[in-house]
Amino acid sequence: MSTIIGVDDLRSSLPGKTENELQQIADEAEALAAAYAPCLFAAAFDPLDPVNAQRVASFKAILRRAVAYDTAAGHGAVTTTSVRADAFSKDQQIDTRQRQSGMLFSPMQVEALRKLCPPKVRDLGSYSVPLGMPGL
């Protein structure tokens, strides 16, 4: 059961879906997003706390866009136009379907989700070595 994004958050982005379909989509989207933004699903995180309002709003916006795009992927058509003149012919095929990568989130959305939960320890990089005595 989704805890942050609900059926009402998805209803405007996905018209024509039933209540059960919207709930299933919300549950799946949150389950996949938990891998990239685990702090939002920690026991200590309260989505109703005003301090967390910005992160919750950003999370909902990212999920709404990802779900809307994923649902629309594959829609469109392939049209073929043929022109023939005597012994010559020309065929043209136009594909207006959207591509789907097989994943719900694009790389930009994954990056945005990760920014919602920054690491607590500063990454110094693979070639950085802190010098000096520990604790100084």
Foldseek 3Di string as FASTA:
>chain_A
DADQDALVLQCVLDPPDDRVVSRVLRVVLVVVLCVLAVVCVDPPHDCVDPVCVVLSVLSSVLSNVLSSCVVQAQDDDKDWDWDDDVPDIDIDIDTPGHDDPPDSHDPVSSVSSNVSHDDPDDDPDDPDDDDDDPPD
